[in-house]
């Protein structure tokens, strides 16, 4: 893909050189965990929930929702990858890109890859913040390098999935308000119709049935499994493998679709 690396570097430089956008993106994870972890702490109403099946055995609510908050943060950040395509089209750079000897798919993939890279510092900050706040994240059974790989893989795959979806949508749009409207329409349903913040046992049956097919649930549950349980059993590793495998298959399919549509749809 000719031009992919220079275009990705360009996107990252835009992020770093914009102080407001840069620091907001790094500070945002602290608010995520503080607000969700404290404001929605169900153990305040159900003290017996800590360590119970209701929270999958997590010692507190923050430990339970860290996987969900990490996934949701990656989801929201990835959703806005497509907006950069519209900005480039409206402000002029897109025309210069199209007149140069680079593949059209490289333009789109540079937005996707840069959004995934931007998520990773936020992940580190959120985990540290969750660990340091009172009654925060607890690794009761330890946390190994393999567990870190599961966490990173789940978030990266979710980021690829949703940045691909919204990049494809953006290739057909020129109006910024339109894509913002779509983002605002789908982000909350994706979060709340999942197991990101609440367990299956706490949801209506019909909602839980839908949530089990949500990629946000697969990512949140994978991360939650390794954080809460530490050393997993063979059956638990198989379940994590199924969740990550489903995410990988979906991400691969969407990336291929994105590459095809980018070459076909981006004209000006």
C-alpha atoms as a PDB file:
ATOM      1  CA  UNK A   1       0.000   0.000   0.000  1.00  0.00           C
ATOM      2  CA  UNK A   2       2.017   2.932  -1.299  1.00  0.00           C
ATOM      3  CA  UNK A   3       1.821   5.975   0.942  1.00  0.00           C
ATOM      4  CA  UNK A   4       0.322   4.230   3.966  1.00  0.00           C
ATOM      5  CA  UNK A   5       3.144   4.975   6.404  1.00  0.00           C
ATOM      6  CA  UNK A   6       3.613   8.696   5.523  1.00  0.00           C
ATOM      7  CA  UNK A   7      -0.140   9.265   5.717  1.00  0.00           C
ATOM      8  CA  UNK A   8      -0.339   7.504   9.099  1.00  0.00           C
ATOM      9  CA  UNK A   9       2.524   9.624  10.432  1.00  0.00           C
ATOM     10  CA  UNK A  10       0.699  12.712   9.169  1.00  0.00           C
ATOM     11  CA  UNK A  11      -2.405  11.760  11.141  1.00  0.00           C
ATOM     12  CA  UNK A  12      -0.401  11.160  14.322  1.00  0.00           C
ATOM     13  CA  UNK A  13       1.418  14.482  13.945  1.00  0.00           C
ATOM     14  CA  UNK A  14      -1.947  16.248  13.639  1.00  0.00           C
ATOM     15  CA  UNK A  15      -2.972  14.610  16.905  1.00  0.00           C
ATOM     16  CA  UNK A  16       0.228  15.448  18.794  1.00  0.00           C
ATOM     17  CA  UNK A  17       0.433  19.025  17.501  1.00  0.00           C
ATOM     18  CA  UNK A  18      -3.082  19.851  18.623  1.00  0.00           C
ATOM     19  CA  UNK A  19      -2.590  20.411  22.388  1.00  0.00           C
ATOM     20  CA  UNK A  20      -6.291  20.469  23.236  1.00  0.00           C
ATOM     21  CA  UNK A  21      -7.082  17.301  21.301  1.00  0.00           C
ATOM     22  CA  UNK A  22      -3.932  15.561  22.524  1.00  0.00           C
ATOM     23  CA  UNK A  23      -4.327  16.239  26.248  1.00  0.00           C
ATOM     24  CA  UNK A  24      -8.086  15.788  26.184  1.00  0.00           C
ATOM     25  CA  UNK A  25      -7.561  12.348  24.694  1.00  0.00           C
ATOM     26  CA  UNK A  26      -5.074  11.436  27.413  1.00  0.00           C
ATOM     27  CA  UNK A  27      -7.102  12.830  30.331  1.00  0.00           C
ATOM     28  CA  UNK A  28     -10.439  11.457  29.137  1.00  0.00           C
ATOM     29  CA  UNK A  29      -9.783   7.887  30.416  1.00  0.00           C
ATOM     30  CA  UNK A  30      -9.550   9.175  33.994  1.00  0.00           C
ATOM     31  CA  UNK A  31     -13.054  10.625  33.726  1.00  0.00           C
ATOM     32  CA  UNK A  32     -14.297   7.433  32.119  1.00  0.00           C
ATOM     33  CA  UNK A  33     -13.294   5.213  35.002  1.00  0.00           C
ATOM     34  CA  UNK A  34     -14.117   7.765  37.715  1.00  0.00           C
ATOM     35  CA  UNK A  35     -17.608   8.453  36.374  1.00  0.00           C
ATOM     36  CA  UNK A  36     -18.625   4.944  35.372  1.00  0.00           C
ATOM     37  CA  UNK A  37     -16.880   3.231  38.242  1.00  0.00           C
ATOM     38  CA  UNK A  38     -18.239   5.478  40.948  1.00  0.00           C
ATOM     39  CA  UNK A  39     -21.533   6.846  39.630  1.00  0.00           C
ATOM     40  CA  UNK A  40     -22.884   3.451  38.524  1.00  0.00           C
ATOM     41  CA  UNK A  41     -21.439   1.349  41.342  1.00  0.00           C
ATOM     42  CA  UNK A  42     -24.196  -1.211  41.893  1.00  0.00           C
ATOM     43  CA  UNK A  43     -22.528  -2.547  45.037  1.00  0.00           C
ATOM     44  CA  UNK A  44     -23.779   0.585  46.819  1.00  0.00           C
ATOM     45  CA  UNK A  45     -27.291  -0.797  46.382  1.00  0.00           C
ATOM     46  CA  UNK A  46     -26.424  -4.498  46.471  1.00  0.00           C
ATOM     47  CA  UNK A  47     -23.464  -4.926  48.860  1.00  0.00           C
ATOM     48  CA  UNK A  48     -23.555  -8.687  48.436  1.00  0.00           C
ATOM     49  CA  UNK A  49     -22.785  -8.307  44.704  1.00  0.00           C
ATOM     50  CA  UNK A  50     -19.018  -8.028  45.317  1.00  0.00           C
ATOM     51  CA  UNK A  51     -17.365 -11.372  44.671  1.00  0.00           C
ATOM     52  CA  UNK A  52     -20.674 -12.931  43.605  1.00  0.00           C
ATOM     53  CA  UNK A  53     -21.696 -14.424  40.239  1.00  0.00           C
ATOM     54  CA  UNK A  54     -23.582 -11.164  39.646  1.00  0.00           C
ATOM     55  CA  UNK A  55     -20.174  -9.548  38.996  1.00  0.00           C
ATOM     56  CA  UNK A  56     -18.506 -12.718  37.690  1.00  0.00           C
ATOM     57  CA  UNK A  57     -16.600 -13.004  40.969  1.00  0.00           C
ATOM     58  CA  UNK A  58     -15.018  -9.532  40.755  1.00  0.00           C
ATOM     59  CA  UNK A  59     -14.057  -8.065  44.160  1.00  0.00           C
ATOM     60  CA  UNK A  60     -15.671  -4.712  43.322  1.00  0.00           C
ATOM     61  CA  UNK A  61     -17.559  -2.955  40.551  1.00  0.00           C
ATOM     62  CA  UNK A  62     -14.582  -1.083  39.103  1.00  0.00           C
ATOM     63  CA  UNK A  63     -12.689  -4.338  38.620  1.00  0.00           C
ATOM     64  CA  UNK A  64     -15.757  -5.723  36.882  1.00  0.00           C
ATOM     65  CA  UNK A  65     -16.276  -2.827  34.470  1.00  0.00           C
ATOM     66  CA  UNK A  66     -12.645  -2.071  33.532  1.00  0.00           C
ATOM     67  CA  UNK A  67     -12.906  -4.375  30.519  1.00  0.00           C
ATOM     68  CA  UNK A  68     -16.152  -2.716  29.469  1.00  0.00           C
ATOM     69  CA  UNK A  69     -14.831   0.816  29.927  1.00  0.00           C
ATOM     70  CA  UNK A  70     -11.658   0.005  27.980  1.00  0.00           C
ATOM     71  CA  UNK A  71     -13.726  -1.454  25.157  1.00  0.00           C
ATOM     72  CA  UNK A  72     -16.191   1.442  25.126  1.00  0.00           C
ATOM     73  CA  UNK A  73     -13.391   3.986  25.102  1.00  0.00           C
ATOM     74  CA  UNK A  74     -11.841   2.206  22.130  1.00  0.00           C
ATOM     75  CA  UNK A  75     -15.241   2.086  20.454  1.00  0.00           C
ATOM     76  CA  UNK A  76     -15.898   5.818  20.816  1.00  0.00           C
ATOM     77  CA  UNK A  77     -12.394   6.805  19.686  1.00  0.00           C
ATOM     78  CA  UNK A  78     -12.518   4.496  16.675  1.00  0.00           C
ATOM     79  CA  UNK A  79     -15.909   5.781  15.586  1.00  0.00           C
ATOM     80  CA  UNK A  80     -14.453   9.195  14.773  1.00  0.00           C
ATOM     81  CA  UNK A  81     -11.816   7.827  12.367  1.00  0.00           C
ATOM     82  CA  UNK A  82     -14.208   8.488   9.510  1.00  0.00           C
ATOM     83  CA  UNK A  83     -14.571  12.169  10.350  1.00  0.00           C
ATOM     84  CA  UNK A  84     -10.965  12.759   9.281  1.00  0.00           C
ATOM     85  CA  UNK A  85     -11.843  11.554   5.769  1.00  0.00           C
ATOM     86  CA  UNK A  86     -14.597  14.156   5.534  1.00  0.00           C
ATOM     87  CA  UNK A  87     -12.308  16.865   6.925  1.00  0.00           C
ATOM     88  CA  UNK A  88      -9.698  16.071   4.264  1.00  0.00           C
ATOM     89  CA  UNK A  89     -12.344  16.104   1.553  1.00  0.00           C
ATOM     90  CA  UNK A  90     -13.830  19.445   2.622  1.00  0.00           C
ATOM     91  CA  UNK A  91     -10.581  21.251   3.441  1.00  0.00           C
ATOM     92  CA  UNK A  92      -8.605  20.269   0.351  1.00  0.00           C
ATOM     93  CA  UNK A  93      -5.963  17.629   1.228  1.00  0.00           C
ATOM     94  CA  UNK A  94      -8.031  14.842  -0.318  1.00  0.00           C
ATOM     95  CA  UNK A  95      -7.596  16.319  -3.776  1.00  0.00           C
ATOM     96  CA  UNK A  96      -3.823  16.371  -3.370  1.00  0.00           C
ATOM     97  CA  UNK A  97      -3.830  12.775  -2.127  1.00  0.00           C
ATOM     98  CA  UNK A  98      -5.833  11.591  -5.118  1.00  0.00           C
ATOM     99  CA  UNK A  99      -3.522  13.331  -7.564  1.00  0.00           C
ATOM    100  CA  UNK A 100      -0.452  11.634  -6.073  1.00  0.00           C
ATOM    101  CA  UNK A 101       0.680   8.036  -6.784  1.00  0.00           C
ATOM    102  CA  UNK A 102      -0.818   6.485  -3.648  1.00  0.00           C
ATOM    103  CA  UNK A 103      -3.594   3.950  -3.288  1.00  0.00           C
ATOM    104  CA  UNK A 104      -6.973   5.271  -2.208  1.00  0.00           C
ATOM    105  CA  UNK A 105      -7.210   2.535   0.387  1.00  0.00           C
ATOM    106  CA  UNK A 106      -4.003   3.888   1.974  1.00  0.00           C
ATOM    107  CA  UNK A 107      -5.821   7.147   2.677  1.00  0.00           C
ATOM    108  CA  UNK A 108      -8.523   5.318   4.616  1.00  0.00           C
ATOM    109  CA  UNK A 109      -6.232   2.849   6.361  1.00  0.00           C
ATOM    110  CA  UNK A 110      -3.997   5.676   7.592  1.00  0.00           C
ATOM    111  CA  UNK A 111      -7.019   7.059   9.482  1.00  0.00           C
ATOM    112  CA  UNK A 112      -7.852   3.624  10.882  1.00  0.00           C
ATOM    113  CA  UNK A 113      -4.311   2.772  12.005  1.00  0.00           C
ATOM    114  CA  UNK A 114      -3.720   6.181  13.571  1.00  0.00           C
ATOM    115  CA  UNK A 115      -6.968   5.909  15.549  1.00  0.00           C
ATOM    116  CA  UNK A 116      -5.898   2.490  16.867  1.00  0.00           C
ATOM    117  CA  UNK A 117      -2.485   3.876  17.892  1.00  0.00           C
ATOM    118  CA  UNK A 118      -4.119   6.831  19.669  1.00  0.00           C
ATOM    119  CA  UNK A 119      -6.205   4.454  21.754  1.00  0.00           C
ATOM    120  CA  UNK A 120      -3.246   2.614  23.322  1.00  0.00           C
ATOM    121  CA  UNK A 121      -1.917   5.493  25.539  1.00  0.00           C
ATOM    122  CA  UNK A 122      -5.475   5.971  26.757  1.00  0.00           C
ATOM    123  CA  UNK A 123      -5.639   2.289  27.683  1.00  0.00           C
ATOM    124  CA  UNK A 124      -2.488   2.565  29.805  1.00  0.00           C
ATOM    125  CA  UNK A 125      -3.740   5.714  31.554  1.00  0.00           C
ATOM    126  CA  UNK A 126      -7.138   4.186  32.260  1.00  0.00           C
ATOM    127  CA  UNK A 127      -5.681   1.020  33.788  1.00  0.00           C
ATOM    128  CA  UNK A 128      -3.338   3.062  36.011  1.00  0.00           C
ATOM    129  CA  UNK A 129      -6.175   5.385  37.059  1.00  0.00           C
ATOM    130  CA  UNK A 130      -8.451   2.438  37.818  1.00  0.00           C
ATOM    131  CA  UNK A 131      -5.722   0.860  39.941  1.00  0.00           C
ATOM    132  CA  UNK A 132      -4.990   4.044  41.933  1.00  0.00           C
ATOM    133  CA  UNK A 133      -8.475   5.322  42.762  1.00  0.00           C
ATOM    134  CA  UNK A 134     -10.025   4.248  46.100  1.00  0.00           C
ATOM    135  CA  UNK A 135     -11.611   0.808  45.974  1.00  0.00           C
ATOM    136  CA  UNK A 136     -10.360   0.520  42.427  1.00  0.00           C
ATOM    137  CA  UNK A 137      -9.005  -2.177  40.156  1.00  0.00           C
ATOM    138  CA  UNK A 138      -7.708  -5.277  41.948  1.00  0.00           C
ATOM    139  CA  UNK A 139      -5.712  -8.100  40.375  1.00  0.00           C
ATOM    140  CA  UNK A 140      -6.682 -10.663  43.001  1.00  0.00           C
ATOM    141  CA  UNK A 141      -5.238 -13.608  41.074  1.00  0.00           C
ATOM    142  CA  UNK A 142      -2.367 -11.795  39.384  1.00  0.00           C
ATOM    143  CA  UNK A 143      -1.968 -10.440  35.867  1.00  0.00           C
ATOM    144  CA  UNK A 144       0.533 -11.989  33.458  1.00  0.00           C
ATOM    145  CA  UNK A 145       2.061 -10.912  30.156  1.00  0.00           C
ATOM    146  CA  UNK A 146      -0.349 -13.245  28.385  1.00  0.00           C
ATOM    147  CA  UNK A 147      -3.249 -11.479  30.091  1.00  0.00           C
ATOM    148  CA  UNK A 148      -1.879  -8.136  28.862  1.00  0.00           C
ATOM    149  CA  UNK A 149      -1.796  -9.523  25.325  1.00  0.00           C
ATOM    150  CA  UNK A 150      -5.443 -10.593  25.599  1.00  0.00           C
ATOM    151  CA  UNK A 151      -6.402  -7.122  26.809  1.00  0.00           C
ATOM    152  CA  UNK A 152      -4.495  -5.334  24.045  1.00  0.00           C
ATOM    153  CA  UNK A 153      -5.720  -7.703  21.335  1.00  0.00           C
ATOM    154  CA  UNK A 154      -9.372  -7.299  22.302  1.00  0.00           C
ATOM    155  CA  UNK A 155      -9.193  -3.495  22.257  1.00  0.00           C
ATOM    156  CA  UNK A 156      -7.218  -3.341  19.010  1.00  0.00           C
ATOM    157  CA  UNK A 157      -9.677  -5.650  17.257  1.00  0.00           C
ATOM    158  CA  UNK A 158     -12.665  -3.609  18.436  1.00  0.00           C
ATOM    159  CA  UNK A 159     -10.928  -0.435  17.268  1.00  0.00           C
ATOM    160  CA  UNK A 160     -10.314  -1.951  13.829  1.00  0.00           C
ATOM    161  CA  UNK A 161     -13.917  -3.139  13.590  1.00  0.00           C
ATOM    162  CA  UNK A 162     -15.607   0.167  14.339  1.00  0.00           C
ATOM    163  CA  UNK A 163     -13.074   2.457  12.691  1.00  0.00           C
ATOM    164  CA  UNK A 164     -13.518   0.365   9.530  1.00  0.00           C
ATOM    165  CA  UNK A 165     -17.298   0.622   9.695  1.00  0.00           C
ATOM    166  CA  UNK A 166     -17.322   4.382  10.124  1.00  0.00           C
ATOM    167  CA  UNK A 167     -14.562   4.936   7.588  1.00  0.00           C
ATOM    168  CA  UNK A 168     -16.643   3.062   5.011  1.00  0.00           C
ATOM    169  CA  UNK A 169     -19.628   5.235   5.882  1.00  0.00           C
ATOM    170  CA  UNK A 170     -17.495   8.384   5.572  1.00  0.00           C
ATOM    171  CA  UNK A 171     -16.348   7.495   2.051  1.00  0.00           C
ATOM    172  CA  UNK A 172     -19.939   8.081   0.900  1.00  0.00           C
ATOM    173  CA  UNK A 173     -20.476  11.344   2.777  1.00  0.00           C
ATOM    174  CA  UNK A 174     -19.444  14.987   2.487  1.00  0.00           C
ATOM    175  CA  UNK A 175     -21.515  16.413   5.334  1.00  0.00           C
ATOM    176  CA  UNK A 176     -19.868  16.317   8.765  1.00  0.00           C
ATOM    177  CA  UNK A 177     -23.193  16.573  10.593  1.00  0.00           C
ATOM    178  CA  UNK A 178     -24.402  13.385   8.941  1.00  0.00           C
ATOM    179  CA  UNK A 179     -21.636  11.175  10.312  1.00  0.00           C
ATOM    180  CA  UNK A 180     -21.837  12.814  13.737  1.00  0.00           C
ATOM    181  CA  UNK A 181     -25.547  12.038  13.725  1.00  0.00           C
ATOM    182  CA  UNK A 182     -24.865   8.381  12.922  1.00  0.00           C
ATOM    183  CA  UNK A 183     -22.195   8.162  15.643  1.00  0.00           C
ATOM    184  CA  UNK A 184     -24.548   9.647  18.226  1.00  0.00           C
ATOM    185  CA  UNK A 185     -27.312   7.309  17.097  1.00  0.00           C
ATOM    186  CA  UNK A 186     -25.396   4.053  17.502  1.00  0.00           C
ATOM    187  CA  UNK A 187     -22.776   4.589  20.214  1.00  0.00           C
ATOM    188  CA  UNK A 188     -25.043   4.383  23.272  1.00  0.00           C
ATOM    189  CA  UNK A 189     -27.042   1.362  22.012  1.00  0.00           C
ATOM    190  CA  UNK A 190     -23.768  -0.429  21.273  1.00  0.00           C
ATOM    191  CA  UNK A 191     -22.578   0.256  24.806  1.00  0.00           C
ATOM    192  CA  UNK A 192     -25.754  -0.508  26.737  1.00  0.00           C
ATOM    193  CA  UNK A 193     -26.884  -3.453  24.599  1.00  0.00           C
ATOM    194  CA  UNK A 194     -23.728  -5.271  25.666  1.00  0.00           C
ATOM    195  CA  UNK A 195     -22.110  -6.753  28.748  1.00  0.00           C
ATOM    196  CA  UNK A 196     -19.730  -3.796  29.041  1.00  0.00           C
ATOM    197  CA  UNK A 197     -21.275  -2.292  32.180  1.00  0.00           C
ATOM    198  CA  UNK A 198     -23.719  -4.889  33.450  1.00  0.00           C
ATOM    199  CA  UNK A 199     -23.753  -8.658  33.600  1.00  0.00           C
ATOM    200  CA  UNK A 200     -26.188 -10.894  31.774  1.00  0.00           C
ATOM    201  CA  UNK A 201     -27.959 -11.664  35.048  1.00  0.00           C
ATOM    202  CA  UNK A 202     -28.790  -7.980  35.528  1.00  0.00           C
ATOM    203  CA  UNK A 203     -30.350  -7.491  32.092  1.00  0.00           C
ATOM    204  CA  UNK A 204     -33.769  -8.304  30.658  1.00  0.00           C
ATOM    205  CA  UNK A 205     -33.692 -11.672  28.921  1.00  0.00           C
ATOM    206  CA  UNK A 206     -34.425 -10.260  25.466  1.00  0.00           C
ATOM    207  CA  UNK A 207     -31.701  -7.638  25.888  1.00  0.00           C
ATOM    208  CA  UNK A 208     -29.167 -10.207  27.085  1.00  0.00           C
ATOM    209  CA  UNK A 209     -29.970 -12.392  24.062  1.00  0.00           C
ATOM    210  CA  UNK A 210     -29.065  -9.490  21.746  1.00  0.00           C
ATOM    211  CA  UNK A 211     -26.029  -8.436  23.776  1.00  0.00           C
ATOM    212  CA  UNK A 212     -24.315 -11.802  23.378  1.00  0.00           C
ATOM    213  CA  UNK A 213     -23.890 -11.094  19.646  1.00  0.00           C
ATOM    214  CA  UNK A 214     -22.446  -7.618  20.181  1.00  0.00           C
ATOM    215  CA  UNK A 215     -18.662  -7.325  19.497  1.00  0.00           C
ATOM    216  CA  UNK A 216     -18.464  -4.939  22.446  1.00  0.00           C
ATOM    217  CA  UNK A 217     -19.596  -7.811  24.686  1.00  0.00           C
ATOM    218  CA  UNK A 218     -16.962 -10.166  23.251  1.00  0.00           C
ATOM    219  CA  UNK A 219     -14.164  -7.706  23.949  1.00  0.00           C
ATOM    220  CA  UNK A 220     -15.401  -6.707  27.414  1.00  0.00           C
ATOM    221  CA  UNK A 221     -15.888 -10.325  28.481  1.00  0.00           C
ATOM    222  CA  UNK A 222     -12.450 -11.378  27.209  1.00  0.00           C
ATOM    223  CA  UNK A 223     -10.712  -8.647  29.196  1.00  0.00           C
ATOM    224  CA  UNK A 224     -12.915  -9.250  32.230  1.00  0.00           C
ATOM    225  CA  UNK A 225     -12.097 -12.947  32.201  1.00  0.00           C
ATOM    226  CA  UNK A 226      -8.328 -12.433  32.478  1.00  0.00           C
ATOM    227  CA  UNK A 227      -8.544  -9.531  34.949  1.00  0.00           C
ATOM    228  CA  UNK A 228     -10.841 -11.287  37.394  1.00  0.00           C
ATOM    229  CA  UNK A 229      -9.558 -14.851  37.139  1.00  0.00           C
ATOM    230  CA  UNK A 230      -5.819 -14.451  36.522  1.00  0.00           C
ATOM    231  CA  UNK A 231      -4.647 -17.988  35.744  1.00  0.00           C
ATOM    232  CA  UNK A 232      -7.368 -19.328  33.472  1.00  0.00           C
ATOM    233  CA  UNK A 233      -8.456 -22.918  33.137  1.00  0.00           C
ATOM    234  CA  UNK A 234      -8.405 -24.670  29.764  1.00  0.00           C
ATOM    235  CA  UNK A 235     -12.144 -24.133  29.295  1.00  0.00           C
ATOM    236  CA  UNK A 236     -11.805 -20.440  30.143  1.00  0.00           C
ATOM    237  CA  UNK A 237      -8.980 -20.043  27.609  1.00  0.00           C
ATOM    238  CA  UNK A 238     -11.176 -21.740  25.009  1.00  0.00           C
ATOM    239  CA  UNK A 239     -13.947 -19.248  25.700  1.00  0.00           C
ATOM    240  CA  UNK A 240     -11.544 -16.308  25.452  1.00  0.00           C
ATOM    241  CA  UNK A 241     -10.246 -17.805  22.210  1.00  0.00           C
ATOM    242  CA  UNK A 242     -13.787 -17.972  20.800  1.00  0.00           C
ATOM    243  CA  UNK A 243     -14.452 -14.332  21.668  1.00  0.00           C
ATOM    244  CA  UNK A 244     -11.150 -13.116  20.226  1.00  0.00           C
ATOM    245  CA  UNK A 245     -11.546 -15.368  17.188  1.00  0.00           C
ATOM    246  CA  UNK A 246     -14.965 -13.875  16.463  1.00  0.00           C
ATOM    247  CA  UNK A 247     -13.530 -10.365  16.816  1.00  0.00           C
ATOM    248  CA  UNK A 248     -10.605 -11.216  14.533  1.00  0.00           C
ATOM    249  CA  UNK A 249     -12.861 -12.703  11.855  1.00  0.00           C
ATOM    250  CA  UNK A 250     -15.157  -9.684  11.932  1.00  0.00           C
ATOM    251  CA  UNK A 251     -12.222  -7.254  11.847  1.00  0.00           C
ATOM    252  CA  UNK A 252     -10.605  -9.069   8.904  1.00  0.00           C
ATOM    253  CA  UNK A 253     -13.842  -9.089   6.927  1.00  0.00           C
ATOM    254  CA  UNK A 254     -14.487  -5.407   7.545  1.00  0.00           C
ATOM    255  CA  UNK A 255     -10.919  -4.412   6.675  1.00  0.00           C
ATOM    256  CA  UNK A 256     -11.203  -6.256   3.360  1.00  0.00           C
ATOM    257  CA  UNK A 257     -14.538  -4.559   2.696  1.00  0.00           C
ATOM    258  CA  UNK A 258     -13.003  -1.204   3.588  1.00  0.00           C
ATOM    259  CA  UNK A 259     -10.100  -1.732   1.187  1.00  0.00           C
ATOM    260  CA  UNK A 260     -12.485  -2.636  -1.642  1.00  0.00           C
ATOM    261  CA  UNK A 261     -14.907   0.229  -1.076  1.00  0.00           C
ATOM    262  CA  UNK A 262     -12.139   2.785  -0.548  1.00  0.00           C
ATOM    263  CA  UNK A 263     -10.687   2.036  -3.984  1.00  0.00           C
ATOM    264  CA  UNK A 264     -14.142   2.183  -5.515  1.00  0.00           C
ATOM    265  CA  UNK A 265     -15.832   5.076  -3.714  1.00  0.00           C
ATOM    266  CA  UNK A 266     -13.176   7.730  -3.029  1.00  0.00           C
ATOM    267  CA  UNK A 267     -13.138   9.945  -6.077  1.00  0.00           C
ATOM    268  CA  UNK A 268     -12.843  13.514  -4.817  1.00  0.00           C
END
